[in-house]
């Protein structure tokens, strides 16, 4: 009879603990993160990057999202001298080319990079 009570005690204790922890984890997962971390550390030279993507005189403007930098050019990309070997050495996560726009997927420092390039334009 004592074994039966001990087994029932363990089942009730761990059962209640399971549901309490499950409910707590559910409430924590519903909390939204209101802060966005943006890095100010750019791991390469900005002037060298600008010269290898066509030069400052060919850039119309730049726009940034959370992780990508969109460079809009004054003319079509075919007419520009872009050093793709240098771009590959930057360890990008991705690159997309359009008619007069290139999107570089860098990471969390894209916004800072866009601000620095727009200051120089």
C-alpha atoms as a PDB file:
ATOM      1  CA  UNK A   1       0.000   0.000   0.000  1.00  0.00           C
ATOM      2  CA  UNK A   2       2.858   2.413   0.713  1.00  0.00           C
ATOM      3  CA  UNK A   3       4.298   1.889  -2.799  1.00  0.00           C
ATOM      4  CA  UNK A   4       0.981   2.860  -4.346  1.00  0.00           C
ATOM      5  CA  UNK A   5       0.875   6.153  -2.432  1.00  0.00           C
ATOM      6  CA  UNK A   6       4.470   6.939  -3.362  1.00  0.00           C
ATOM      7  CA  UNK A   7       3.800   6.289  -7.066  1.00  0.00           C
ATOM      8  CA  UNK A   8       0.664   8.458  -6.962  1.00  0.00           C
ATOM      9  CA  UNK A   9       2.623  11.230  -5.228  1.00  0.00           C
ATOM     10  CA  UNK A  10       5.317  11.200  -7.966  1.00  0.00           C
ATOM     11  CA  UNK A  11       2.732  11.182 -10.761  1.00  0.00           C
ATOM     12  CA  UNK A  12       0.842  14.143  -9.261  1.00  0.00           C
ATOM     13  CA  UNK A  13       3.976  16.141  -8.459  1.00  0.00           C
ATOM     14  CA  UNK A  14       5.643  15.719 -11.850  1.00  0.00           C
ATOM     15  CA  UNK A  15       2.321  16.012 -13.700  1.00  0.00           C
ATOM     16  CA  UNK A  16       1.515  19.354 -12.096  1.00  0.00           C
ATOM     17  CA  UNK A  17       5.115  20.518 -12.612  1.00  0.00           C
ATOM     18  CA  UNK A  18       4.948  19.553 -16.287  1.00  0.00           C
ATOM     19  CA  UNK A  19       1.794  21.590 -16.914  1.00  0.00           C
ATOM     20  CA  UNK A  20       3.092  24.575 -14.949  1.00  0.00           C
ATOM     21  CA  UNK A  21       6.397  24.643 -16.886  1.00  0.00           C
ATOM     22  CA  UNK A  22       4.603  24.087 -20.205  1.00  0.00           C
ATOM     23  CA  UNK A  23       2.295  27.048 -19.524  1.00  0.00           C
ATOM     24  CA  UNK A  24       5.239  29.210 -18.467  1.00  0.00           C
ATOM     25  CA  UNK A  25       7.161  28.359 -21.658  1.00  0.00           C
ATOM     26  CA  UNK A  26       4.098  29.182 -23.751  1.00  0.00           C
ATOM     27  CA  UNK A  27       3.805  32.607 -22.105  1.00  0.00           C
ATOM     28  CA  UNK A  28       7.508  33.334 -22.646  1.00  0.00           C
ATOM     29  CA  UNK A  29       7.255  32.421 -26.340  1.00  0.00           C
ATOM     30  CA  UNK A  30       4.415  34.942 -26.828  1.00  0.00           C
ATOM     31  CA  UNK A  31       6.582  37.870 -25.681  1.00  0.00           C
ATOM     32  CA  UNK A  32       7.721  39.958 -28.648  1.00  0.00           C
ATOM     33  CA  UNK A  33      11.186  41.425 -28.832  1.00  0.00           C
ATOM     34  CA  UNK A  34      10.791  45.184 -29.247  1.00  0.00           C
ATOM     35  CA  UNK A  35      14.490  45.960 -29.683  1.00  0.00           C
ATOM     36  CA  UNK A  36      16.365  45.515 -32.937  1.00  0.00           C
ATOM     37  CA  UNK A  37      20.102  45.110 -32.644  1.00  0.00           C
ATOM     38  CA  UNK A  38      22.025  46.952 -35.337  1.00  0.00           C
ATOM     39  CA  UNK A  39      25.782  46.634 -35.492  1.00  0.00           C
ATOM     40  CA  UNK A  40      27.903  49.732 -36.054  1.00  0.00           C
ATOM     41  CA  UNK A  41      31.018  47.693 -36.809  1.00  0.00           C
ATOM     42  CA  UNK A  42      31.623  47.358 -40.559  1.00  0.00           C
ATOM     43  CA  UNK A  43      34.247  44.624 -41.129  1.00  0.00           C
ATOM     44  CA  UNK A  44      35.789  46.132 -44.282  1.00  0.00           C
ATOM     45  CA  UNK A  45      36.922  49.479 -45.672  1.00  0.00           C
ATOM     46  CA  UNK A  46      33.952  51.476 -46.978  1.00  0.00           C
ATOM     47  CA  UNK A  47      35.955  53.455 -49.559  1.00  0.00           C
ATOM     48  CA  UNK A  48      37.406  50.272 -51.023  1.00  0.00           C
ATOM     49  CA  UNK A  49      33.929  48.728 -51.152  1.00  0.00           C
ATOM     50  CA  UNK A  50      32.516  51.774 -52.974  1.00  0.00           C
ATOM     51  CA  UNK A  51      35.307  51.796 -55.543  1.00  0.00           C
ATOM     52  CA  UNK A  52      34.815  48.074 -56.257  1.00  0.00           C
ATOM     53  CA  UNK A  53      31.040  48.314 -56.761  1.00  0.00           C
ATOM     54  CA  UNK A  54      31.245  50.979 -59.460  1.00  0.00           C
ATOM     55  CA  UNK A  55      32.384  54.148 -57.744  1.00  0.00           C
ATOM     56  CA  UNK A  56      30.571  56.882 -55.852  1.00  0.00           C
ATOM     57  CA  UNK A  57      29.854  58.876 -59.032  1.00  0.00           C
ATOM     58  CA  UNK A  58      27.684  56.024 -60.412  1.00  0.00           C
ATOM     59  CA  UNK A  59      25.600  55.471 -57.264  1.00  0.00           C
ATOM     60  CA  UNK A  60      22.260  57.265 -57.173  1.00  0.00           C
ATOM     61  CA  UNK A  61      21.268  56.175 -53.642  1.00  0.00           C
ATOM     62  CA  UNK A  62      21.375  53.301 -51.189  1.00  0.00           C
ATOM     63  CA  UNK A  63      18.617  51.824 -49.093  1.00  0.00           C
ATOM     64  CA  UNK A  64      18.926  49.299 -46.307  1.00  0.00           C
ATOM     65  CA  UNK A  65      16.664  46.715 -44.775  1.00  0.00           C
ATOM     66  CA  UNK A  66      17.455  44.705 -41.668  1.00  0.00           C
ATOM     67  CA  UNK A  67      20.027  42.530 -43.390  1.00  0.00           C
ATOM     68  CA  UNK A  68      20.496  43.791 -46.944  1.00  0.00           C
ATOM     69  CA  UNK A  69      21.932  46.822 -48.716  1.00  0.00           C
ATOM     70  CA  UNK A  70      20.263  47.957 -51.945  1.00  0.00           C
ATOM     71  CA  UNK A  71      22.502  50.055 -54.200  1.00  0.00           C
ATOM     72  CA  UNK A  72      20.640  51.924 -56.943  1.00  0.00           C
ATOM     73  CA  UNK A  73      22.808  53.083 -59.845  1.00  0.00           C
ATOM     74  CA  UNK A  74      22.366  55.989 -62.262  1.00  0.00           C
ATOM     75  CA  UNK A  75      22.927  53.710 -65.278  1.00  0.00           C
ATOM     76  CA  UNK A  76      22.562  50.005 -66.041  1.00  0.00           C
ATOM     77  CA  UNK A  77      24.871  47.553 -64.325  1.00  0.00           C
ATOM     78  CA  UNK A  78      26.247  46.298 -67.661  1.00  0.00           C
ATOM     79  CA  UNK A  79      27.917  49.693 -68.212  1.00  0.00           C
ATOM     80  CA  UNK A  80      29.726  49.667 -64.839  1.00  0.00           C
ATOM     81  CA  UNK A  81      33.022  48.162 -63.779  1.00  0.00           C
ATOM     82  CA  UNK A  82      32.140  46.014 -60.787  1.00  0.00           C
ATOM     83  CA  UNK A  83      34.811  43.827 -59.189  1.00  0.00           C
ATOM     84  CA  UNK A  84      32.917  40.614 -58.394  1.00  0.00           C
ATOM     85  CA  UNK A  85      36.071  38.911 -57.076  1.00  0.00           C
ATOM     86  CA  UNK A  86      36.315  41.550 -54.355  1.00  0.00           C
ATOM     87  CA  UNK A  87      32.604  41.209 -53.581  1.00  0.00           C
ATOM     88  CA  UNK A  88      32.978  37.428 -53.213  1.00  0.00           C
ATOM     89  CA  UNK A  89      35.847  37.943 -50.776  1.00  0.00           C
ATOM     90  CA  UNK A  90      33.544  39.869 -48.407  1.00  0.00           C
ATOM     91  CA  UNK A  91      31.730  36.648 -47.470  1.00  0.00           C
ATOM     92  CA  UNK A  92      28.282  37.878 -48.377  1.00  0.00           C
ATOM     93  CA  UNK A  93      25.243  35.807 -47.595  1.00  0.00           C
ATOM     94  CA  UNK A  94      23.804  36.637 -51.010  1.00  0.00           C
ATOM     95  CA  UNK A  95      23.729  39.036 -53.945  1.00  0.00           C
ATOM     96  CA  UNK A  96      20.914  39.876 -56.384  1.00  0.00           C
ATOM     97  CA  UNK A  97      21.351  41.894 -59.560  1.00  0.00           C
ATOM     98  CA  UNK A  98      18.675  43.836 -61.391  1.00  0.00           C
ATOM     99  CA  UNK A  99      18.849  46.288 -64.291  1.00  0.00           C
ATOM    100  CA  UNK A 100      20.143  49.252 -62.304  1.00  0.00           C
ATOM    101  CA  UNK A 101      20.198  47.875 -58.770  1.00  0.00           C
ATOM    102  CA  UNK A 102      22.222  45.370 -56.754  1.00  0.00           C
ATOM    103  CA  UNK A 103      21.128  43.939 -53.404  1.00  0.00           C
ATOM    104  CA  UNK A 104      23.873  42.735 -51.079  1.00  0.00           C
ATOM    105  CA  UNK A 105      22.802  40.548 -48.154  1.00  0.00           C
ATOM    106  CA  UNK A 106      25.344  41.341 -45.434  1.00  0.00           C
ATOM    107  CA  UNK A 107      23.825  41.132 -41.996  1.00  0.00           C
ATOM    108  CA  UNK A 108      23.056  43.483 -39.157  1.00  0.00           C
ATOM    109  CA  UNK A 109      25.478  46.247 -40.230  1.00  0.00           C
ATOM    110  CA  UNK A 110      23.692  46.974 -43.542  1.00  0.00           C
ATOM    111  CA  UNK A 111      21.866  50.004 -42.145  1.00  0.00           C
ATOM    112  CA  UNK A 112      25.098  51.611 -40.913  1.00  0.00           C
ATOM    113  CA  UNK A 113      26.805  50.892 -44.258  1.00  0.00           C
ATOM    114  CA  UNK A 114      23.913  52.522 -46.131  1.00  0.00           C
ATOM    115  CA  UNK A 115      24.119  55.633 -43.924  1.00  0.00           C
ATOM    116  CA  UNK A 116      27.870  55.948 -44.527  1.00  0.00           C
ATOM    117  CA  UNK A 117      27.531  55.601 -48.312  1.00  0.00           C
ATOM    118  CA  UNK A 118      24.648  58.109 -48.438  1.00  0.00           C
ATOM    119  CA  UNK A 119      26.775  60.614 -46.497  1.00  0.00           C
ATOM    120  CA  UNK A 120      29.454  60.368 -49.186  1.00  0.00           C
ATOM    121  CA  UNK A 121      26.991  60.841 -52.046  1.00  0.00           C
END
